[in-house]
PDB file of N, CA and C in Angstrom:
ATOM      1  N   TRP A   1     -12.596  21.245  10.251  1.00  0.00           N
ATOM      2  CA  TRP A   1     -12.116  20.184   9.395  1.00  0.00           C
ATOM      3  C   TRP A   1     -13.020  18.969   9.412  1.00  0.00           C
ATOM      4  N   ASN A   2     -14.009  18.947  10.248  1.00  0.00           N
ATOM      5  CA  ASN A   2     -14.908  17.790  10.319  1.00  0.00           C
ATOM      6  C   ASN A   2     -16.011  17.898   9.284  1.00  0.00           C
ATOM      7  N   GLN A   3     -15.641  18.195   8.085  1.00  0.00           N
ATOM      8  CA  GLN A   3     -16.575  18.322   6.978  1.00  0.00           C
ATOM      9  C   GLN A   3     -16.492  17.087   6.095  1.00  0.00           C
ATOM     10  N   PRO A   4     -17.601  16.711   5.475  1.00  0.00           N
ATOM     11  CA  PRO A   4     -17.536  15.560   4.567  1.00  0.00           C
ATOM     12  C   PRO A   4     -16.662  15.881   3.349  1.00  0.00           C
ATOM     13  N   MET A   5     -15.932  14.898   2.897  1.00  0.00           N
ATOM     14  CA  MET A   5     -15.089  15.072   1.726  1.00  0.00           C
ATOM     15  C   MET A   5     -15.806  14.522   0.503  1.00  0.00           C
ATOM     16  N   PRO A   6     -15.890  15.303  -0.565  1.00  0.00           N
ATOM     17  CA  PRO A   6     -16.531  14.784  -1.776  1.00  0.00           C
ATOM     18  C   PRO A   6     -15.708  13.646  -2.363  1.00  0.00           C
ATOM     19  N   PRO A   7     -16.348  12.670  -2.981  1.00  0.00           N
ATOM     20  CA  PRO A   7     -15.600  11.548  -3.552  1.00  0.00           C
ATOM     21  C   PRO A   7     -14.812  11.977  -4.785  1.00  0.00           C
ATOM     22  N   LEU A   8     -13.722  11.306  -4.989  1.00  0.00           N
ATOM     23  CA  LEU A   8     -12.905  11.505  -6.179  1.00  0.00           C
ATOM     24  C   LEU A   8     -12.984  10.219  -6.984  1.00  0.00           C
ATOM     25  N   ILE A   9     -13.456  10.318  -8.201  1.00  0.00           N
ATOM     26  CA  ILE A   9     -13.595   9.144  -9.057  1.00  0.00           C
ATOM     27  C   ILE A   9     -12.703   9.333 -10.279  1.00  0.00           C
ATOM     28  N   VAL A  10     -11.830   8.365 -10.509  1.00  0.00           N
ATOM     29  CA  VAL A  10     -10.935   8.407 -11.657  1.00  0.00           C
ATOM     30  C   VAL A  10     -11.217   7.177 -12.494  1.00  0.00           C
ATOM     31  N   ARG A  11     -11.449   7.398 -13.770  1.00  0.00           N
ATOM     32  CA  ARG A  11     -11.728   6.276 -14.657  1.00  0.00           C
ATOM     33  C   ARG A  11     -10.898   6.420 -15.915  1.00  0.00           C
ATOM     34  N   ARG A  12     -10.375   5.311 -16.362  1.00  0.00           N
ATOM     35  CA  ARG A  12      -9.605   5.301 -17.597  1.00  0.00           C
ATOM     36  C   ARG A  12     -10.174   4.226 -18.502  1.00  0.00           C
ATOM     37  N   GLN A  13     -10.301   4.529 -19.761  1.00  0.00           N
ATOM     38  CA  GLN A  13     -10.800   3.562 -20.729  1.00  0.00           C
ATOM     39  C   GLN A  13      -9.724   2.527 -21.003  1.00  0.00           C
ATOM     40  N   GLY A  14     -10.101   1.265 -21.073  1.00  0.00           N
ATOM     41  CA  GLY A  14      -9.155   0.194 -21.341  1.00  0.00           C
ATOM     42  C   GLY A  14      -8.693  -0.465 -20.062  1.00  0.00           C
ATOM     43  N   GLU A  15      -7.915  -1.525 -20.214  1.00  0.00           N
ATOM     44  CA  GLU A  15      -7.445  -2.266 -19.054  1.00  0.00           C
ATOM     45  C   GLU A  15      -6.110  -1.710 -18.569  1.00  0.00           C
ATOM     46  N   ALA A  16      -5.816  -1.932 -17.306  1.00  0.00           N
ATOM     47  CA  ALA A  16      -4.641  -1.319 -16.694  1.00  0.00           C
ATOM     48  C   ALA A  16      -3.390  -2.189 -16.727  1.00  0.00           C
ATOM     49  N   TRP A  17      -3.483  -3.428 -17.181  1.00  0.00           N
ATOM     50  CA  TRP A  17      -2.299  -4.292 -17.169  1.00  0.00           C
ATOM     51  C   TRP A  17      -1.215  -3.793 -18.109  1.00  0.00           C
ATOM     52  N   THR A  18      -1.610  -3.317 -19.272  1.00  0.00           N
ATOM     53  CA  THR A  18      -0.613  -2.818 -20.216  1.00  0.00           C
ATOM     54  C   THR A  18      -0.617  -1.293 -20.308  1.00  0.00           C
ATOM     55  N   ARG A  19      -1.608  -0.634 -19.698  1.00  0.00           N
ATOM     56  CA  ARG A  19      -1.693   0.820 -19.722  1.00  0.00           C
ATOM     57  C   ARG A  19      -1.962   1.357 -18.308  1.00  0.00           C
ATOM     58  N   PRO A  20      -1.023   1.121 -17.360  1.00  0.00           N
ATOM     59  CA  PRO A  20      -1.260   1.577 -15.984  1.00  0.00           C
ATOM     60  C   PRO A  20      -1.182   3.100 -15.873  1.00  0.00           C
ATOM     61  N   PHE A  21      -1.725   3.639 -14.799  1.00  0.00           N
ATOM     62  CA  PHE A  21      -1.633   5.066 -14.557  1.00  0.00           C
ATOM     63  C   PHE A  21      -1.465   5.311 -13.062  1.00  0.00           C
ATOM     64  N   VAL A  22      -1.002   6.515 -12.740  1.00  0.00           N
ATOM     65  CA  VAL A  22      -0.772   6.908 -11.356  1.00  0.00           C
ATOM     66  C   VAL A  22      -1.621   8.138 -11.066  1.00  0.00           C
ATOM     67  N   THR A  23      -2.215   8.171  -9.903  1.00  0.00           N
ATOM     68  CA  THR A  23      -2.962   9.336  -9.458  1.00  0.00           C
ATOM     69  C   THR A  23      -2.292   9.898  -8.219  1.00  0.00           C
ATOM     70  N   VAL A  24      -2.054  11.188  -8.211  1.00  0.00           N
ATOM     71  CA  VAL A  24      -1.431  11.850  -7.064  1.00  0.00           C
ATOM     72  C   VAL A  24      -2.438  12.814  -6.477  1.00  0.00           C
ATOM     73  N   TYR A  25      -2.680  12.674  -5.178  1.00  0.00           N
ATOM     74  CA  TYR A  25      -3.589  13.563  -4.468  1.00  0.00           C
ATOM     75  C   TYR A  25      -2.764  14.385  -3.495  1.00  0.00           C
ATOM     76  N   ALA A  26      -2.670  15.680  -3.729  1.00  0.00           N
ATOM     77  CA  ALA A  26      -1.865  16.559  -2.880  1.00  0.00           C
ATOM     78  C   ALA A  26      -2.751  17.707  -2.397  1.00  0.00           C
ATOM     79  N   PRO A  27      -3.463  17.508  -1.286  1.00  0.00           N
ATOM     80  CA  PRO A  27      -4.374  18.552  -0.809  1.00  0.00           C
ATOM     81  C   PRO A  27      -3.624  19.780  -0.314  1.00  0.00           C
ATOM     82  N   ARG A  28      -4.288  20.900  -0.346  1.00  0.00           N
ATOM     83  CA  ARG A  28      -3.743  22.142   0.191  1.00  0.00           C
ATOM     84  C   ARG A  28      -4.883  22.967   0.748  1.00  0.00           C
ATOM     85  N   HIS A  29      -4.552  23.926   1.544  1.00  0.00           N
ATOM     86  CA  HIS A  29      -5.564  24.728   2.210  1.00  0.00           C
ATOM     87  C   HIS A  29      -5.401  26.193   1.817  1.00  0.00           C
ATOM     88  N   GLY A  30      -6.499  26.813   1.453  1.00  0.00           N
ATOM     89  CA  GLY A  30      -6.473  28.239   1.145  1.00  0.00           C
ATOM     90  C   GLY A  30      -5.504  28.609   0.053  1.00  0.00           C
ATOM     91  N   ASN A  31      -4.613  29.542   0.350  1.00  0.00           N
ATOM     92  CA  ASN A  31      -3.667  30.016  -0.670  1.00  0.00           C
ATOM     93  C   ASN A  31      -2.293  29.378  -0.536  1.00  0.00           C
ATOM     94  N   GLN A  32      -2.212  28.197   0.054  1.00  0.00           N
ATOM     95  CA  GLN A  32      -0.933  27.483   0.122  1.00  0.00           C
ATOM     96  C   GLN A  32      -0.444  27.182  -1.291  1.00  0.00           C
ATOM     97  N   PRO A  33       0.872  27.154  -1.489  1.00  0.00           N
ATOM     98  CA  PRO A  33       1.382  26.829  -2.828  1.00  0.00           C
ATOM     99  C   PRO A  33       1.099  25.370  -3.195  1.00  0.00           C
ATOM    100  N   VAL A  34       1.093  25.105  -4.476  1.00  0.00           N
ATOM    101  CA  VAL A  34       0.882  23.755  -4.974  1.00  0.00           C
ATOM    102  C   VAL A  34       2.073  22.894  -4.573  1.00  0.00           C
ATOM    103  N   ALA A  35       1.800  21.740  -3.967  1.00  0.00           N
ATOM    104  CA  ALA A  35       2.888  20.895  -3.459  1.00  0.00           C
ATOM    105  C   ALA A  35       3.501  20.025  -4.551  1.00  0.00           C
ATOM    106  N   ALA A  36       2.684  19.309  -5.299  1.00  0.00           N
ATOM    107  CA  ALA A  36       3.185  18.411  -6.345  1.00  0.00           C
ATOM    108  C   ALA A  36       3.161  19.145  -7.675  1.00  0.00           C
ATOM    109  N   ARG A  37       4.307  19.229  -8.307  1.00  0.00           N
ATOM    110  CA  ARG A  37       4.417  19.963  -9.574  1.00  0.00           C
ATOM    111  C   ARG A  37       4.513  19.051 -10.794  1.00  0.00           C
ATOM    112  N   GLU A  38       5.028  17.826 -10.616  1.00  0.00           N
ATOM    113  CA  GLU A  38       5.273  16.972 -11.780  1.00  0.00           C
ATOM    114  C   GLU A  38       5.197  15.502 -11.399  1.00  0.00           C
ATOM    115  N   VAL A  39       4.647  14.703 -12.306  1.00  0.00           N
ATOM    116  CA  VAL A  39       4.667  13.247 -12.188  1.00  0.00           C
ATOM    117  C   VAL A  39       5.337  12.727 -13.451  1.00  0.00           C
ATOM    118  N   GLU A  40       6.353  11.882 -13.266  1.00  0.00           N
ATOM    119  CA  GLU A  40       7.143  11.397 -14.391  1.00  0.00           C
ATOM    120  C   GLU A  40       7.282   9.882 -14.309  1.00  0.00           C
ATOM    121  N   ALA A  41       7.058   9.198 -15.414  1.00  0.00           N
ATOM    122  CA  ALA A  41       7.286   7.756 -15.468  1.00  0.00           C
ATOM    123  C   ALA A  41       8.781   7.521 -15.640  1.00  0.00           C
ATOM    124  N   LEU A  42       9.376   6.741 -14.730  1.00  0.00           N
ATOM    125  CA  LEU A  42      10.803   6.433 -14.810  1.00  0.00           C
ATOM    126  C   LEU A  42      11.054   5.108 -15.505  1.00  0.00           C
ATOM    127  N   GLY A  43      10.049   4.265 -15.522  1.00  0.00           N
ATOM    128  CA  GLY A  43      10.171   2.953 -16.137  1.00  0.00           C
ATOM    129  C   GLY A  43       8.806   2.297 -16.168  1.00  0.00           C
ATOM    130  N   GLU A  44       8.794   1.015 -16.422  1.00  0.00           N
ATOM    131  CA  GLU A  44       7.528   0.294 -16.536  1.00  0.00           C
ATOM    132  C   GLU A  44       6.735   0.316 -15.237  1.00  0.00           C
ATOM    133  N   ASN A  45       7.403   0.209 -14.095  1.00  0.00           N
ATOM    134  CA  ASN A  45       6.726   0.176 -12.804  1.00  0.00           C
ATOM    135  C   ASN A  45       7.356   1.128 -11.801  1.00  0.00           C
ATOM    136  N   SER A  46       7.800   2.284 -12.265  1.00  0.00           N
ATOM    137  CA  SER A  46       8.380   3.263 -11.350  1.00  0.00           C
ATOM    138  C   SER A  46       8.031   4.679 -11.813  1.00  0.00           C
ATOM    139  N   TRP A  47       7.846   5.559 -10.810  1.00  0.00           N
ATOM    140  CA  TRP A  47       7.414   6.924 -11.077  1.00  0.00           C
ATOM    141  C   TRP A  47       8.123   7.880 -10.143  1.00  0.00           C
ATOM    142  N   ARG A  48       8.211   9.131 -10.536  1.00  0.00           N
ATOM    143  CA  ARG A  48       8.761  10.185  -9.689  1.00  0.00           C
ATOM    144  C   ARG A  48       7.710  11.292  -9.581  1.00  0.00           C
ATOM    145  N   VAL A  49       7.411  11.681  -8.357  1.00  0.00           N
ATOM    146  CA  VAL A  49       6.539  12.821  -8.087  1.00  0.00           C
ATOM    147  C   VAL A  49       7.440  13.879  -7.474  1.00  0.00           C
ATOM    148  N   SER A  50       7.400  15.107  -7.993  1.00  0.00           N
ATOM    149  CA  SER A  50       8.300  16.125  -7.467  1.00  0.00           C
ATOM    150  C   SER A  50       7.587  17.453  -7.273  1.00  0.00           C
ATOM    151  N   GLY A  51       8.169  18.251  -6.409  1.00  0.00           N
ATOM    152  CA  GLY A  51       7.673  19.584  -6.109  1.00  0.00           C
ATOM    153  C   GLY A  51       8.857  20.492  -5.859  1.00  0.00           C
ATOM    154  N   ASP A  52       8.628  21.617  -5.216  1.00  0.00           N
ATOM    155  CA  ASP A  52       9.698  22.559  -4.944  1.00  0.00           C
ATOM    156  C   ASP A  52      10.566  22.046  -3.797  1.00  0.00           C
ATOM    157  N   GLY A  53      11.781  21.619  -4.095  1.00  0.00           N
ATOM    158  CA  GLY A  53      12.729  21.183  -3.089  1.00  0.00           C
ATOM    159  C   GLY A  53      12.615  19.734  -2.652  1.00  0.00           C
ATOM    160  N   TRP A  54      11.832  18.918  -3.335  1.00  0.00           N
ATOM    161  CA  TRP A  54      11.693  17.511  -2.946  1.00  0.00           C
ATOM    162  C   TRP A  54      11.282  16.676  -4.149  1.00  0.00           C
ATOM    163  N   LYS A  55      11.524  15.383  -4.037  1.00  0.00           N
ATOM    164  CA  LYS A  55      11.004  14.428  -5.010  1.00  0.00           C
ATOM    165  C   LYS A  55      10.849  13.083  -4.303  1.00  0.00           C
ATOM    166  N   VAL A  56       9.920  12.288  -4.773  1.00  0.00           N
ATOM    167  CA  VAL A  56       9.684  10.958  -4.235  1.00  0.00           C
ATOM    168  C   VAL A  56       9.699   9.984  -5.406  1.00  0.00           C
ATOM    169  N   ASP A  57      10.529   8.954  -5.300  1.00  0.00           N
ATOM    170  CA  ASP A  57      10.572   7.897  -6.312  1.00  0.00           C
ATOM    171  C   ASP A  57       9.773   6.708  -5.797  1.00  0.00           C
ATOM    172  N   PHE A  58       8.818   6.236  -6.588  1.00  0.00           N
ATOM    173  CA  PHE A  58       7.989   5.092  -6.246  1.00  0.00           C
ATOM    174  C   PHE A  58       8.324   3.936  -7.172  1.00  0.00           C
ATOM    175  N   GLU A  59       8.300   2.725  -6.632  1.00  0.00           N
ATOM    176  CA  GLU A  59       8.517   1.536  -7.448  1.00  0.00           C
ATOM    177  C   GLU A  59       7.544   0.452  -7.013  1.00  0.00           C
ATOM    178  N   LEU A  60       6.882  -0.150  -7.985  1.00  0.00           N
ATOM    179  CA  LEU A  60       5.920  -1.212  -7.725  1.00  0.00           C
ATOM    180  C   LEU A  60       6.538  -2.543  -8.107  1.00  0.00           C
ATOM    181  N   ASP A  61       6.624  -3.438  -7.117  1.00  0.00           N
ATOM    182  CA  ASP A  61       7.175  -4.771  -7.333  1.00  0.00           C
ATOM    183  C   ASP A  61       6.084  -5.766  -6.962  1.00  0.00           C
ATOM    184  N   GLY A  62       5.364  -6.235  -7.958  1.00  0.00           N
ATOM    185  CA  GLY A  62       4.229  -7.113  -7.687  1.00  0.00           C
ATOM    186  C   GLY A  62       3.154  -6.341  -6.948  1.00  0.00           C
ATOM    187  N   ARG A  63       2.931  -6.680  -5.693  1.00  0.00           N
ATOM    188  CA  ARG A  63       1.934  -5.974  -4.884  1.00  0.00           C
ATOM    189  C   ARG A  63       2.573  -5.039  -3.870  1.00  0.00           C
ATOM    190  N   GLU A  64       3.894  -4.931  -3.884  1.00  0.00           N
ATOM    191  CA  GLU A  64       4.620  -4.127  -2.906  1.00  0.00           C
ATOM    192  C   GLU A  64       5.037  -2.792  -3.525  1.00  0.00           C
ATOM    193  N   LEU A  65       4.623  -1.688  -2.900  1.00  0.00           N
ATOM    194  CA  LEU A  65       4.997  -0.354  -3.371  1.00  0.00           C
ATOM    195  C   LEU A  65       6.029   0.215  -2.405  1.00  0.00           C
ATOM    196  N   SER A  66       7.191   0.567  -2.924  1.00  0.00           N
ATOM    197  CA  SER A  66       8.226   1.170  -2.091  1.00  0.00           C
ATOM    198  C   SER A  66       8.472   2.593  -2.582  1.00  0.00           C
ATOM    199  N   TYR A  67       9.013   3.426  -1.692  1.00  0.00           N
ATOM    200  CA  TYR A  67       9.275   4.800  -2.087  1.00  0.00           C
ATOM    201  C   TYR A  67      10.481   5.343  -1.342  1.00  0.00           C
ATOM    202  N   GLU A  68      11.060   6.388  -1.912  1.00  0.00           N
ATOM    203  CA  GLU A  68      12.200   7.069  -1.307  1.00  0.00           C
ATOM    204  C   GLU A  68      11.986   8.562  -1.467  1.00  0.00           C
ATOM    205  N   LEU A  69      11.951   9.288  -0.341  1.00  0.00           N
ATOM    206  CA  LEU A  69      11.826  10.754  -0.348  1.00  0.00           C
ATOM    207  C   LEU A  69      13.213  11.362  -0.425  1.00  0.00           C
ATOM    208  N   ILE A  70      13.400  12.276  -1.373  1.00  0.00           N
ATOM    209  CA  ILE A  70      14.681  12.931  -1.564  1.00  0.00           C
ATOM    210  C   ILE A  70      14.453  14.441  -1.485  1.00  0.00           C
ATOM    211  N   ARG A  71      15.066  15.066  -0.495  1.00  0.00           N
ATOM    212  CA  ARG A  71      14.979  16.529  -0.376  1.00  0.00           C
ATOM    213  C   ARG A  71      16.130  17.140  -1.154  1.00  0.00           C
ATOM    214  N   GLN A  72      15.826  18.140  -1.935  1.00  0.00           N
ATOM    215  CA  GLN A  72      16.849  18.766  -2.782  1.00  0.00           C
ATOM    216  C   GLN A  72      17.389  20.019  -2.138  1.00  0.00           C
TER     217      GLN A  72
END
């Protein structure tokens, strides 16, 4: 596991104040199943990331990001 990790660069055209986006990084090894299946916008500053048997709700309040893990 002590291998260098290639950089991940994400770029979006335009400014992010009125067109924000979320990036989810869910690494896996070998033939493990995909962990994150869906990203959904719940509101202007809230998102849900979900997979098989779980979901996480994120909310951004100014500079503070809070989250709640919910196992289904």
